[in-house]
Amino acid sequence: MSEKTKNNSEKESRPAISFIEQIIIDDLKEGKNNGKIITRFPPEPNGYLHIGHAKAICLDFGMAEKYGGVCNLRFDDTNPEAEDVEYIDSIKEDIRWLGFDWGDREYYASDYFDRLYEFALDLIRRGLAYVDDQPAEVISEQRGTPNSQGIESPFRNRSVEENLDLFERMNRGEFDEGSRVLRAKIDMSSPNMLMRDPVIYRILKTPHHRTGTKWNVYPLYDFAHGQCDYFEGVTHSLCTLEFEVHRPLYDWFIDQLKTGEYRPRQIEFNRLNLTYTVMSKRKLLELVQGGYVSGWDDPRMPTLCGLRRRGYTPESIRKFIDLIGYTKFDAINDISLLEYAIREDLNLRAPRVFGVLDPVRVIITNYPENVTEEVELVNNPEDESMGTRKVPFSRELYIEREDFMETPPPKFFRLYPGNEVRLKGAYIIKCHDFKKNKATGEIEEIYCTYDPNTRSGGSSANRKTKTTLHWVSATHSINAEVRLYDRLFIHEDPMGQKERDFKEFLNPDSLKILKNCKLEPLLKNAKPLDKFQFQRVGYFCVDPASTELNLIFNRTVELKDTWNKIKK
């Protein structure tokens, strides 16, 4: 490879610098924040992370890592009604699996509840917050529309003393949930609806997983988020585009809080949307609770734990995110690009093996009985360091049922009476007969002869056939259950069909379970999440639920993109 070609290849393989990265580069050049880069990933512990979160994780941790900064992990635990320690543990596992670490910088919004409460009291004392006794529906109605001004609450001009008293009594638990809220006093005529006296505290009498029953009032996200960034010294607060309209409110709170030159900067980017997928935690929870999937880690789910169980690698997900990039424009990404990324990754790392999913027996009638040969095969032609393996070959084999036809159509080059094929790594065989089940008409056995000179080293080893088949020795094969996972939905945009329930577009064929698959004996030693290419079939991994008595393989992805072929 010439130096010029090498340089061009390297340029093509490097992801382009995003507008966010350019902002960080410019800030460093200008010496902002004393040259510090501090980002944060702030998940809500109310569900499992999905691949959309992976985009934020790769950005938050990736930018800090690339430019010598740090990234904080901060759980936004401001809603005790929906949070669970189970979710916290799963989030940490997913981040580490993607290849990132937060060191000793694990924080929680609840770490700052005292400071946030004091800040709320300070806003009340300065006449910038008040307690509103109205129901949520009335408050929402009074905020008006984008084309009309809001109506001021009759409680907006309460005295500082009364507001302080009511807010403290709210926290002591003297009032019912929903009876009062604390609102920031900003501008009821602002064209930005979020600036029209937003609610910043509400009453919740649910014990918190970290603070117990200390609090009866909890801050809302818009109030807690920016202030937590400020308390932690975050320099670049990276979030998705739906928060762009929140930025004036984010800045307003920082303006009331800050005492020096430092301030975090919120920057928005497009979220990750995928075809044939839903990316709402609420909708994913609906699928789990409704029994449409087996759980959060169902391999059809876009959750990181589901993708991991299906056989996706962290490298493939990071590659996919590099491919789609970060922009200011919302779009829906083709899931085929994600599947391309995992194929490219597994092509380099997955050993090739033989697996017959729908077996039919082949008997080589002129091969000696009770004889076993060992065929040496390359484990991965893309990586010579993976070496070779030996696979047993015997008189009776299994091949895929679809690789044989009694009466083939034109251009069918696999096995049929009178035709010959090569068995990969072994001999050429020719079919001379077959047997059917009298009751069902199904082919039970195929009878062939072999040419002993067509194996490597034989006088006819280079003789060509139009097809090479994979196979497994019947005597040495192991049984396995294979689960063929496919896309969960049949519509490209199930959430975009507003007049219909997204569950109407669930793919009835998203899971097929095959119970009688035959695999080469090497695979009996496979461990959970080990990944393989079943030659001519697809990429598979060992399901964590496998046991010695019930070996289970999940299909990660087919060898080729059959969906786009079907669409065309």
Protein backbone atom coordinates (compact mmCIF):
# COMPACT_ATOMS: atom_id res chain seq x y z
CA MET A 1 0.00 0.00 0.00
CA SER A 2 1.44 3.39 -1.01
CA GLU A 3 1.88 6.12 1.60
CA LYS A 4 -0.78 8.24 -0.14
CA THR A 5 -3.28 5.35 -0.20
CA LYS A 6 -2.49 4.57 3.45
CA ASN A 7 -3.10 8.18 4.50
CA ASN A 8 -6.39 8.33 2.57
CA SER A 9 -7.50 5.05 4.18
CA GLU A 10 -6.71 6.37 7.65
CA LYS A 11 -8.67 9.56 6.96
CA GLU A 12 -11.70 7.56 5.83
CA SER A 13 -11.60 5.37 8.94
CA ARG A 14 -11.44 8.32 11.33
CA PRO A 15 -14.82 9.83 12.23
CA ALA A 16 -15.22 13.47 11.27
CA ILE A 17 -14.94 16.05 14.03
CA SER A 18 -18.44 16.95 15.23
CA PHE A 19 -19.59 20.47 15.97
CA ILE A 20 -19.47 19.59 19.69
CA GLU A 21 -15.86 18.47 19.47
CA GLN A 22 -15.02 21.69 17.59
CA ILE A 23 -16.58 23.72 20.42
CA ILE A 24 -14.43 21.86 22.95
CA ILE A 25 -11.30 22.41 20.84
CA ASP A 26 -12.07 26.14 20.55
CA ASP A 27 -12.75 26.46 24.30
CA LEU A 28 -9.40 24.84 25.07
CA LYS A 29 -7.62 27.17 22.67
CA GLU A 30 -9.24 30.17 24.35
CA GLY A 31 -8.28 28.91 27.81
CA LYS A 32 -11.84 28.74 29.10
CA ASN A 33 -12.40 27.03 32.46
CA ASN A 34 -8.63 27.07 33.01
CA GLY A 35 -8.23 24.42 30.33
CA LYS A 36 -10.46 21.93 32.13
CA ILE A 37 -12.90 19.56 30.45
CA ILE A 38 -15.53 18.08 32.76
CA THR A 39 -18.56 16.37 31.30
CA ARG A 40 -21.24 14.24 32.93
CA PHE A 41 -23.59 11.42 32.05
CA PRO A 42 -26.83 11.93 34.07
CA PRO A 43 -29.16 8.92 33.68
CA GLU A 44 -32.45 8.58 35.53
CA PRO A 45 -32.42 5.28 37.47
CA ASN A 46 -35.95 4.41 36.32
CA GLY A 47 -35.19 1.81 33.66
CA TYR A 48 -32.48 0.05 31.71
CA LEU A 49 -30.24 1.92 29.29
CA HIS A 50 -30.86 1.49 25.57
CA ILE A 51 -28.70 2.17 22.55
CA GLY A 52 -29.84 5.79 22.48
CA HIS A 53 -28.12 6.26 25.82
CA ALA A 54 -25.00 4.68 24.35
CA LYS A 55 -24.72 7.65 21.99
CA ALA A 56 -24.70 10.04 24.96
CA ILE A 57 -22.29 7.80 26.92
CA CYS A 58 -19.82 7.67 24.03
CA LEU A 59 -19.97 11.45 23.67
CA ASP A 60 -19.78 12.36 27.37
CA PHE A 61 -17.03 9.91 28.26
CA GLY A 62 -15.36 9.97 24.85
CA MET A 63 -14.82 13.74 24.71
CA ALA A 64 -13.48 13.84 28.26
CA GLU A 65 -11.16 10.93 27.54
CA LYS A 66 -9.90 12.41 24.26
CA TYR A 67 -9.14 15.87 25.65
CA GLY A 68 -7.63 14.95 29.00
CA GLY A 69 -10.72 15.66 31.06
CA VAL A 70 -13.05 13.64 33.27
CA CYS A 71 -16.65 12.52 33.03
CA ASN A 72 -18.88 12.26 36.08
CA LEU A 73 -21.58 9.64 36.44
CA ARG A 74 -24.48 11.40 38.13
CA PHE A 75 -27.77 9.65 38.73
CA ASP A 76 -30.76 11.98 38.41
CA ASP A 77 -32.61 10.42 41.34
CA THR A 78 -35.21 13.14 41.87
CA ASN A 79 -38.28 10.92 41.48
CA PRO A 80 -38.35 8.20 44.17
CA GLU A 81 -41.63 6.82 42.82
CA ALA A 82 -39.94 5.39 39.70
CA GLU A 83 -36.40 4.62 40.85
CA ASP A 84 -34.78 1.36 41.85
CA VAL A 85 -31.31 0.23 42.90
CA GLU A 86 -31.65 -2.52 40.28
CA TYR A 87 -31.55 0.15 37.57
CA ILE A 88 -28.52 1.84 39.13
CA ASP A 89 -26.57 -1.42 39.10
CA SER A 90 -27.54 -2.19 35.50
CA ILE A 91 -26.57 1.31 34.33
CA LYS A 92 -23.10 0.98 35.85
CA GLU A 93 -22.66 -2.45 34.29
CA ASP A 94 -23.64 -1.13 30.85
CA ILE A 95 -21.25 1.83 30.99
CA ARG A 96 -18.34 -0.40 31.97
CA TRP A 97 -19.29 -2.87 29.23
CA LEU A 98 -19.06 -0.07 26.66
CA GLY A 99 -15.51 0.50 27.83
CA PHE A 100 -15.80 3.59 30.03
CA ASP A 101 -15.18 4.29 33.70
CA TRP A 102 -15.99 7.18 36.00
CA GLY A 103 -13.38 6.41 38.66
CA ASP A 104 -14.36 7.93 42.00
CA ARG A 105 -16.79 10.40 40.41
CA GLU A 106 -20.09 8.63 41.11
CA TYR A 107 -22.63 11.23 42.15
CA TYR A 108 -26.36 11.52 42.70
CA ALA A 109 -28.72 14.47 42.45
CA SER A 110 -29.72 13.47 45.99
CA ASP A 111 -26.17 14.37 47.10
CA TYR A 112 -27.24 17.97 46.53
CA PHE A 113 -30.75 17.95 47.98
CA ASP A 114 -29.69 20.16 50.90
CA ARG A 115 -27.98 22.68 48.62
CA LEU A 116 -30.89 22.69 46.18
CA TYR A 117 -33.33 23.25 49.02
CA GLU A 118 -31.25 26.15 50.31
CA PHE A 119 -31.12 27.60 46.81
CA ALA A 120 -34.92 27.37 46.61
CA LEU A 121 -35.20 29.20 49.95
CA ASP A 122 -32.81 31.85 48.59
CA LEU A 123 -35.01 32.35 45.52
CA ILE A 124 -38.04 32.80 47.79
CA ARG A 125 -36.21 35.36 49.92
CA ARG A 126 -35.27 37.30 46.78
CA GLY A 127 -38.85 37.28 45.53
CA LEU A 128 -38.00 34.88 42.69
CA ALA A 129 -40.10 31.90 43.80
CA TYR A 130 -43.53 31.38 45.33
CA VAL A 131 -45.84 28.62 46.55
CA ASP A 132 -48.84 28.01 44.33
CA ASP A 133 -51.93 26.27 45.76
CA GLN A 134 -53.60 25.60 42.42
CA PRO A 135 -54.03 22.11 40.89
CA ALA A 136 -51.62 21.07 38.16
CA GLU A 137 -54.32 21.28 35.48
CA VAL A 138 -55.11 24.90 36.34
CA ILE A 139 -51.42 25.86 36.38
CA SER A 140 -50.96 24.23 32.99
CA GLU A 141 -53.98 26.06 31.55
CA GLN A 142 -52.84 29.41 32.93
CA ARG A 143 -49.47 29.10 31.21
CA GLY A 144 -51.27 29.81 27.93
CA THR A 145 -50.06 28.79 24.48
CA PRO A 146 -47.10 29.74 22.29
CA ASN A 147 -49.40 32.27 20.62
CA SER A 148 -50.94 33.74 23.77
CA GLN A 149 -49.57 35.07 27.05
CA GLY A 150 -49.91 33.22 30.30
CA ILE A 151 -52.12 34.25 33.18
CA GLU A 152 -50.48 35.05 36.50
CA SER A 153 -51.37 32.85 39.42
CA PRO A 154 -53.47 34.53 42.16
CA PHE A 155 -50.73 33.34 44.56
CA ARG A 156 -47.86 34.88 42.58
CA ASN A 157 -47.51 37.91 44.84
CA ARG A 158 -47.61 36.21 48.21
CA SER A 159 -45.24 37.69 50.74
CA VAL A 160 -41.77 36.27 51.21
CA GLU A 161 -42.65 35.30 54.77
CA GLU A 162 -45.76 33.38 53.75
CA ASN A 163 -43.91 31.56 50.95
CA LEU A 164 -41.08 30.57 53.29
CA ASP A 165 -43.55 29.27 55.85
CA LEU A 166 -45.59 27.29 53.31
CA PHE A 167 -42.55 25.78 51.60
CA GLU A 168 -41.03 24.62 54.88
CA ARG A 169 -44.38 23.17 55.93
CA MET A 170 -44.59 21.39 52.56
CA ASN A 171 -41.31 19.71 53.40
CA ARG A 172 -42.49 18.79 56.89
CA GLY A 173 -45.31 16.81 55.28
CA GLU A 174 -48.21 18.99 56.42
CA PHE A 175 -49.88 19.10 53.00
CA ASP A 176 -51.13 16.41 50.63
CA GLU A 177 -49.35 15.48 47.44
CA GLY A 178 -50.53 17.68 44.57
CA SER A 179 -51.98 20.36 46.85
CA ARG A 180 -49.09 22.82 46.48
CA VAL A 181 -45.97 23.37 44.38
CA LEU A 182 -43.10 25.83 44.41
CA ARG A 183 -42.73 27.86 41.22
CA ALA A 184 -39.95 30.11 40.00
CA LYS A 185 -41.15 33.68 39.34
CA ILE A 186 -39.78 34.55 35.89
CA ASP A 187 -42.01 35.85 33.08
CA MET A 188 -45.57 34.76 32.32
CA SER A 189 -45.41 36.60 28.98
CA SER A 190 -42.25 34.93 27.72
CA PRO A 191 -42.51 33.37 24.24
CA ASN A 192 -40.69 30.37 25.73
CA MET A 193 -43.36 28.43 27.60
CA LEU A 194 -40.77 26.94 29.96
CA MET A 195 -39.98 30.40 31.30
CA ARG A 196 -43.57 30.98 32.40
CA ASP A 197 -43.08 30.42 36.12
CA PRO A 198 -42.01 26.77 35.95
CA VAL A 199 -42.68 24.38 38.82
CA ILE A 200 -39.41 23.63 40.61
CA TYR A 201 -40.55 21.57 43.64
CA ARG A 202 -43.48 19.24 44.22
CA ILE A 203 -44.70 17.24 47.22
CA LEU A 204 -43.86 13.52 47.17
CA LYS A 205 -44.25 11.41 50.29
CA THR A 206 -42.39 8.40 48.89
CA PRO A 207 -39.26 7.25 50.74
CA HIS A 208 -36.09 7.79 48.73
CA HIS A 209 -33.64 4.93 48.17
CA ARG A 210 -30.76 7.06 49.54
CA THR A 211 -32.30 9.70 51.79
CA GLY A 212 -35.16 7.69 53.31
CA THR A 213 -37.99 9.88 54.67
CA LYS A 214 -35.92 13.04 55.14
CA TRP A 215 -37.67 14.88 52.31
CA ASN A 216 -41.31 15.39 51.44
CA VAL A 217 -40.52 17.77 48.57
CA TYR A 218 -38.37 16.92 45.57
CA PRO A 219 -36.90 19.15 42.86
CA LEU A 220 -37.93 18.78 39.25
CA TYR A 221 -35.37 17.94 36.59
CA ASP A 222 -35.05 21.48 35.18
CA PHE A 223 -34.27 22.83 38.62
CA ALA A 224 -31.87 20.10 39.71
CA HIS A 225 -29.99 19.46 36.48
CA GLY A 226 -28.18 22.72 35.86
CA GLN A 227 -27.43 23.35 39.50
CA CYS A 228 -25.86 19.90 39.88
CA ASP A 229 -23.71 20.71 36.84
CA TYR A 230 -22.65 23.91 38.56
CA PHE A 231 -21.90 22.24 41.91
CA GLU A 232 -19.69 19.67 40.16
CA GLY A 233 -17.81 22.15 37.98
CA VAL A 234 -19.09 20.64 34.73
CA THR A 235 -17.78 22.63 31.76
CA HIS A 236 -19.80 21.10 28.91
CA SER A 237 -23.31 19.85 29.65
CA LEU A 238 -24.15 17.73 26.61
CA CYS A 239 -27.78 16.74 26.06
CA THR A 240 -30.22 15.88 23.29
CA LEU A 241 -32.09 18.36 21.12
CA GLU A 242 -35.36 18.31 23.04
CA PHE A 243 -33.54 20.22 25.79
CA GLU A 244 -32.59 23.09 23.48
CA VAL A 245 -35.74 24.96 24.45
CA HIS A 246 -34.82 24.35 28.11
CA ARG A 247 -31.49 26.15 27.77
CA PRO A 248 -32.79 29.68 28.64
CA LEU A 249 -34.23 28.26 31.86
CA TYR A 250 -30.98 26.35 32.54
CA ASP A 251 -29.07 29.63 32.14
CA TRP A 252 -31.55 31.64 34.22
CA PHE A 253 -31.09 29.35 37.22
CA ILE A 254 -27.30 29.45 36.81
CA ASP A 255 -27.47 33.26 36.70
CA GLN A 256 -29.22 33.29 40.08
CA LEU A 257 -26.76 30.81 41.57
CA LYS A 258 -23.30 31.64 40.29
CA THR A 259 -20.91 33.92 42.14
CA GLY A 260 -17.89 34.00 39.77
CA GLU A 261 -16.99 33.76 36.11
CA TYR A 262 -17.41 29.98 35.82
CA ARG A 263 -20.60 28.60 34.30
CA PRO A 264 -21.40 25.28 32.63
CA ARG A 265 -22.36 25.42 28.97
CA GLN A 266 -25.28 23.37 27.70
CA ILE A 267 -24.88 22.03 24.15
CA GLU A 268 -27.53 19.97 22.37
CA PHE A 269 -27.18 17.21 19.78
CA ASN A 270 -29.57 14.93 17.91
CA ARG A 271 -30.81 11.85 19.68
CA LEU A 272 -30.43 8.33 18.30
CA ASN A 273 -33.54 6.95 16.64
CA LEU A 274 -33.62 3.57 14.89
CA THR A 275 -35.94 2.07 12.30
CA TYR A 276 -38.02 -0.95 13.40
CA THR A 277 -37.45 0.07 17.04
CA VAL A 278 -38.98 2.08 19.87
CA MET A 279 -36.61 4.13 22.02
CA SER A 280 -38.95 5.30 24.77
CA LYS A 281 -38.27 3.79 28.21
CA ARG A 282 -41.97 4.07 28.93
CA LYS A 283 -42.86 2.06 25.81
CA LEU A 284 -40.12 -0.48 26.50
CA LEU A 285 -41.49 -0.92 30.02
CA GLU A 286 -44.93 -1.48 28.47
CA LEU A 287 -43.48 -4.32 26.38
CA VAL A 288 -41.84 -5.88 29.44
CA GLN A 289 -44.85 -5.58 31.72
CA GLY A 290 -47.23 -6.78 29.00
CA GLY A 291 -45.21 -9.94 28.39
CA TYR A 292 -44.51 -9.06 24.75
CA VAL A 293 -40.83 -9.72 25.48
CA SER A 294 -39.16 -11.87 28.13
CA GLY A 295 -37.64 -8.93 30.02
CA TRP A 296 -35.39 -5.90 29.74
CA ASP A 297 -32.60 -8.15 28.46
CA ASP A 298 -34.68 -9.84 25.78
CA PRO A 299 -32.34 -9.97 22.74
CA ARG A 300 -34.98 -8.21 20.61
CA MET A 301 -34.92 -5.16 22.85
CA PRO A 302 -32.72 -2.11 22.03
CA THR A 303 -31.49 -2.11 25.63
CA LEU A 304 -27.75 -2.48 26.08
CA CYS A 305 -28.27 -5.61 28.18
CA GLY A 306 -30.50 -7.03 25.43
CA LEU A 307 -27.96 -6.26 22.71
CA ARG A 308 -25.20 -7.77 24.87
CA ARG A 309 -27.20 -10.97 25.36
CA ARG A 310 -27.87 -11.11 21.62
CA GLY A 311 -24.13 -11.05 20.92
CA TYR A 312 -23.43 -7.42 20.09
CA THR A 313 -19.99 -6.19 21.09
CA PRO A 314 -19.19 -2.81 22.66
CA GLU A 315 -16.80 -2.17 19.77
CA SER A 316 -19.61 -2.58 17.23
CA ILE A 317 -21.88 -0.18 19.07
CA ARG A 318 -19.14 2.43 19.35
CA LYS A 319 -18.37 1.98 15.65
CA PHE A 320 -22.04 2.46 14.79
CA ILE A 321 -22.20 5.66 16.82
CA ASP A 322 -19.08 6.94 15.05
CA LEU A 323 -20.77 6.22 11.72
CA ILE A 324 -23.97 8.16 12.48
CA GLY A 325 -22.17 11.06 14.20
CA TYR A 326 -23.58 14.05 16.08
CA THR A 327 -25.55 16.83 14.41
CA LYS A 328 -28.20 19.44 15.16
CA PHE A 329 -30.83 17.68 13.04
CA ASP A 330 -33.11 14.90 14.26
CA ALA A 331 -33.28 11.89 11.98
CA ILE A 332 -34.13 8.22 12.10
CA ASN A 333 -31.16 5.94 11.50
CA ASP A 334 -31.48 2.74 9.50
CA ILE A 335 -31.02 -0.28 11.76
CA SER A 336 -29.20 -1.91 8.85
CA LEU A 337 -26.24 0.34 9.68
CA LEU A 338 -26.12 -1.08 13.21
CA GLU A 339 -26.30 -4.59 11.78
CA TYR A 340 -23.50 -3.70 9.36
CA ALA A 341 -21.34 -2.58 12.28
CA ILE A 342 -21.77 -5.86 14.18
CA ARG A 343 -21.17 -7.94 11.03
CA GLU A 344 -17.94 -6.06 10.36
CA ASP A 345 -16.81 -6.53 13.94
CA LEU A 346 -17.70 -10.21 14.27
CA ASN A 347 -16.24 -10.98 10.87
CA LEU A 348 -12.86 -10.12 12.37
CA ARG A 349 -13.22 -11.75 15.78
CA ALA A 350 -15.71 -14.65 15.55
CA PRO A 351 -14.38 -18.19 14.94
CA ARG A 352 -16.04 -20.08 12.09
CA VAL A 353 -17.84 -23.27 13.10
CA PHE A 354 -20.38 -25.71 11.67
CA GLY A 355 -23.95 -25.59 12.88
CA VAL A 356 -26.86 -27.31 11.15
CA LEU A 357 -30.13 -25.73 12.24
CA ASP A 358 -32.65 -27.91 10.38
CA PRO A 359 -30.83 -31.24 10.04
CA VAL A 360 -31.43 -34.06 7.62
CA ARG A 361 -29.26 -37.19 7.73
CA VAL A 362 -26.83 -38.00 4.91
CA ILE A 363 -25.38 -41.52 4.65
CA ILE A 364 -22.25 -41.96 2.53
CA THR A 365 -22.83 -45.51 1.43
CA ASN A 366 -19.30 -46.21 0.14
CA TYR A 367 -17.55 -44.73 3.18
CA PRO A 368 -16.23 -47.30 5.70
CA GLU A 369 -18.33 -47.89 8.79
CA ASN A 370 -16.92 -47.17 12.25
CA VAL A 371 -14.21 -44.91 10.80
CA THR A 372 -13.63 -41.30 11.84
CA GLU A 373 -11.34 -38.85 10.09
CA GLU A 374 -10.30 -35.42 11.34
CA VAL A 375 -10.66 -32.51 8.95
CA GLU A 376 -8.49 -29.48 9.68
CA LEU A 377 -10.26 -26.15 9.16
CA VAL A 378 -9.23 -22.52 9.53
CA ASN A 379 -10.88 -20.82 12.51
CA ASN A 380 -11.01 -17.38 10.92
CA PRO A 381 -9.55 -16.49 7.51
CA GLU A 382 -9.50 -12.83 8.59
CA ASP A 383 -7.13 -13.56 11.48
CA GLU A 384 -4.42 -16.19 11.02
CA SER A 385 -3.47 -15.96 14.69
CA MET A 386 -6.71 -17.78 15.56
CA GLY A 387 -5.20 -20.92 14.05
CA THR A 388 -7.04 -24.06 12.97
CA ARG A 389 -9.23 -26.74 14.51
CA LYS A 390 -9.96 -30.38 13.76
CA VAL A 391 -13.52 -31.49 13.03
CA PRO A 392 -14.55 -35.17 12.97
CA PHE A 393 -15.88 -36.62 9.70
CA SER A 394 -17.74 -39.93 9.52
CA ARG A 395 -20.02 -42.05 7.35
CA GLU A 396 -23.21 -40.39 8.61
CA LEU A 397 -23.57 -36.63 8.55
CA TYR A 398 -26.16 -33.89 8.93
CA ILE A 399 -26.70 -31.15 6.38
CA GLU A 400 -29.33 -28.40 6.22
CA ARG A 401 -32.68 -29.67 4.98
CA GLU A 402 -32.92 -26.73 2.58
CA ASP A 403 -29.66 -27.85 0.93
CA PHE A 404 -31.45 -30.86 -0.65
CA MET A 405 -34.34 -30.96 -3.10
CA GLU A 406 -35.98 -33.96 -4.71
CA THR A 407 -36.95 -31.98 -7.80
CA PRO A 408 -34.90 -28.81 -7.92
CA PRO A 409 -35.81 -25.64 -9.83
CA PRO A 410 -33.40 -24.17 -12.41
CA LYS A 411 -30.15 -22.78 -10.96
CA PHE A 412 -30.43 -24.84 -7.79
CA PHE A 413 -26.83 -25.97 -7.38
CA ARG A 414 -27.02 -27.75 -4.05
CA LEU A 415 -27.71 -31.45 -3.48
CA TYR A 416 -30.29 -33.39 -5.49
CA PRO A 417 -30.41 -36.83 -7.12
CA GLY A 418 -27.58 -37.14 -9.62
CA ASN A 419 -25.82 -33.93 -8.51
CA GLU A 420 -22.60 -33.58 -6.57
CA VAL A 421 -21.43 -30.97 -4.05
CA ARG A 422 -18.34 -30.48 -1.95
CA LEU A 423 -18.53 -30.82 1.80
CA LYS A 424 -16.44 -27.95 3.15
CA GLY A 425 -12.93 -29.07 4.07
CA ALA A 426 -13.70 -32.66 3.09
CA TYR A 427 -14.90 -34.64 0.07
CA ILE A 428 -17.14 -34.29 -2.93
CA ILE A 429 -20.30 -36.36 -2.56
CA LYS A 430 -22.96 -37.34 -5.10
CA CYS A 431 -26.59 -38.16 -4.30
CA HIS A 432 -27.96 -41.42 -5.68
CA ASP A 433 -31.06 -41.98 -3.56
CA PHE A 434 -33.15 -40.79 -0.61
CA LYS A 435 -35.87 -42.04 1.75
CA LYS A 436 -39.12 -40.34 2.71
CA ASN A 437 -41.31 -40.71 5.75
CA LYS A 438 -44.38 -42.55 4.46
CA ALA A 439 -46.78 -40.67 6.71
CA THR A 440 -45.51 -37.11 6.24
CA GLY A 441 -43.65 -37.24 2.95
CA GLU A 442 -40.67 -35.58 4.59
CA ILE A 443 -37.17 -36.53 3.53
CA GLU A 444 -35.62 -38.69 6.27
CA GLU A 445 -32.31 -39.82 4.78
CA ILE A 446 -30.20 -38.96 1.77
CA TYR A 447 -27.86 -41.55 0.27
CA CYS A 448 -24.64 -40.47 -1.36
CA THR A 449 -21.30 -41.75 -2.49
CA TYR A 450 -18.01 -39.94 -2.02
CA ASP A 451 -14.88 -39.58 -4.10
CA PRO A 452 -11.96 -40.41 -1.76
CA ASN A 453 -9.52 -38.53 -4.00
CA THR A 454 -11.22 -35.15 -3.59
CA ARG A 455 -10.02 -34.29 -0.11
CA SER A 456 -7.00 -32.02 0.32
CA GLY A 457 -3.92 -33.88 -0.86
CA GLY A 458 -5.89 -36.26 -3.08
CA SER A 459 -5.40 -36.56 -6.83
CA SER A 460 -8.76 -34.84 -7.48
CA ALA A 461 -8.59 -32.33 -4.63
CA ASN A 462 -8.88 -29.39 -7.02
CA ARG A 463 -11.96 -30.70 -8.80
CA LYS A 464 -14.63 -28.00 -8.70
CA THR A 465 -18.32 -28.11 -7.82
CA LYS A 466 -20.78 -25.25 -7.98
CA THR A 467 -21.65 -25.46 -4.29
CA THR A 468 -19.89 -26.15 -0.99
CA LEU A 469 -22.05 -27.24 1.95
CA HIS A 470 -21.44 -27.16 5.69
CA TRP A 471 -22.05 -30.34 7.64
CA VAL A 472 -21.75 -32.03 11.03
CA SER A 473 -20.80 -35.63 11.82
CA ALA A 474 -23.93 -37.36 13.12
CA THR A 475 -21.90 -39.53 15.48
CA HIS A 476 -20.06 -36.62 17.09
CA SER A 477 -22.58 -33.79 16.92
CA ILE A 478 -24.02 -32.09 19.98
CA ASN A 479 -27.61 -30.97 20.36
CA ALA A 480 -28.51 -27.34 20.92
CA GLU A 481 -31.46 -24.99 21.01
CA VAL A 482 -31.07 -22.09 18.59
CA ARG A 483 -33.13 -18.93 18.91
CA LEU A 484 -33.52 -16.96 15.71
CA TYR A 485 -34.09 -13.35 16.73
CA ASP A 486 -35.25 -10.80 14.20
CA ARG A 487 -36.43 -7.20 14.26
CA LEU A 488 -39.08 -6.58 16.89
CA PHE A 489 -41.35 -4.51 14.61
CA ILE A 490 -42.47 -4.86 11.00
CA HIS A 491 -42.92 -1.10 10.49
CA GLU A 492 -39.93 1.19 10.06
CA ASP A 493 -41.44 3.78 12.39
CA PRO A 494 -43.90 2.11 14.78
CA MET A 495 -44.06 5.20 17.00
CA GLY A 496 -44.81 7.50 14.07
CA GLN A 497 -48.21 5.97 13.35
CA LYS A 498 -50.14 8.24 15.69
CA GLU A 499 -53.57 6.79 14.96
CA ARG A 500 -52.51 3.26 15.93
CA ASP A 501 -50.99 1.55 18.97
CA PHE A 502 -47.31 0.86 18.35
CA LYS A 503 -47.82 -2.73 19.56
CA GLU A 504 -49.93 -3.43 16.48
CA PHE A 505 -46.69 -3.45 14.50
CA LEU A 506 -44.94 -6.13 16.57
CA ASN A 507 -43.27 -8.70 14.34
CA PRO A 508 -44.92 -12.12 14.95
CA ASP A 509 -41.76 -13.78 13.59
CA SER A 510 -39.29 -11.85 15.74
CA LEU A 511 -38.39 -15.08 17.56
CA LYS A 512 -38.25 -18.63 16.24
CA ILE A 513 -36.96 -21.41 18.50
CA LEU A 514 -35.30 -24.42 16.90
CA LYS A 515 -34.92 -27.36 19.28
CA ASN A 516 -33.10 -30.03 17.29
CA CYS A 517 -30.02 -28.27 15.95
CA LYS A 518 -26.77 -30.17 15.45
CA LEU A 519 -23.42 -28.50 16.15
CA GLU A 520 -19.82 -29.59 15.83
CA PRO A 521 -18.46 -31.03 19.13
CA LEU A 522 -16.08 -28.11 19.81
CA LEU A 523 -19.07 -26.01 20.88
CA LYS A 524 -19.88 -28.12 23.93
CA ASN A 525 -17.14 -26.13 25.73
CA ALA A 526 -18.51 -22.73 24.70
CA LYS A 527 -19.09 -20.24 27.52
CA PRO A 528 -21.90 -17.69 27.97
CA LEU A 529 -21.65 -14.83 25.44
CA ASP A 530 -18.97 -16.61 23.38
CA LYS A 531 -19.49 -15.59 19.75
CA PHE A 532 -19.24 -17.66 16.56
CA GLN A 533 -20.02 -17.54 12.90
CA PHE A 534 -22.08 -20.57 11.91
CA GLN A 535 -20.79 -20.86 8.39
CA ARG A 536 -23.33 -20.03 5.67
CA VAL A 537 -25.91 -19.29 8.40
CA GLY A 538 -25.09 -16.24 10.52
CA TYR A 539 -23.46 -14.98 13.71
CA PHE A 540 -24.49 -16.52 17.02
CA CYS A 541 -23.59 -16.28 20.69
CA VAL A 542 -24.13 -18.52 23.70
CA ASP A 543 -27.09 -17.38 25.78
CA PRO A 544 -26.25 -16.76 29.48
CA ALA A 545 -29.12 -19.07 30.43
CA SER A 546 -27.37 -22.06 28.81
CA THR A 547 -26.58 -25.14 30.84
CA GLU A 548 -24.69 -28.36 30.09
CA LEU A 549 -28.04 -30.05 29.56
CA ASN A 550 -29.55 -27.25 27.47
CA LEU A 551 -27.09 -25.39 25.27
CA ILE A 552 -28.73 -22.27 23.82
CA PHE A 553 -27.43 -20.10 21.00
CA ASN A 554 -28.90 -16.72 20.07
CA ARG A 555 -28.65 -15.43 16.53
CA THR A 556 -26.98 -12.04 16.61
CA VAL A 557 -27.42 -11.19 12.95
CA GLU A 558 -27.64 -12.95 9.59
CA LEU A 559 -24.62 -13.00 7.29
CA LYS A 560 -26.34 -10.62 4.86
CA ASP A 561 -28.95 -7.89 5.09
CA THR A 562 -32.03 -9.82 3.98
CA TRP A 563 -34.48 -7.10 5.09
CA ASN A 564 -33.31 -4.54 2.56
CA LYS A 565 -33.33 -7.23 -0.11
CA ILE A 566 -36.96 -8.01 0.76
CA LYS A 567 -37.90 -4.29 0.67
CA LYS A 568 -36.34 -3.89 -2.76
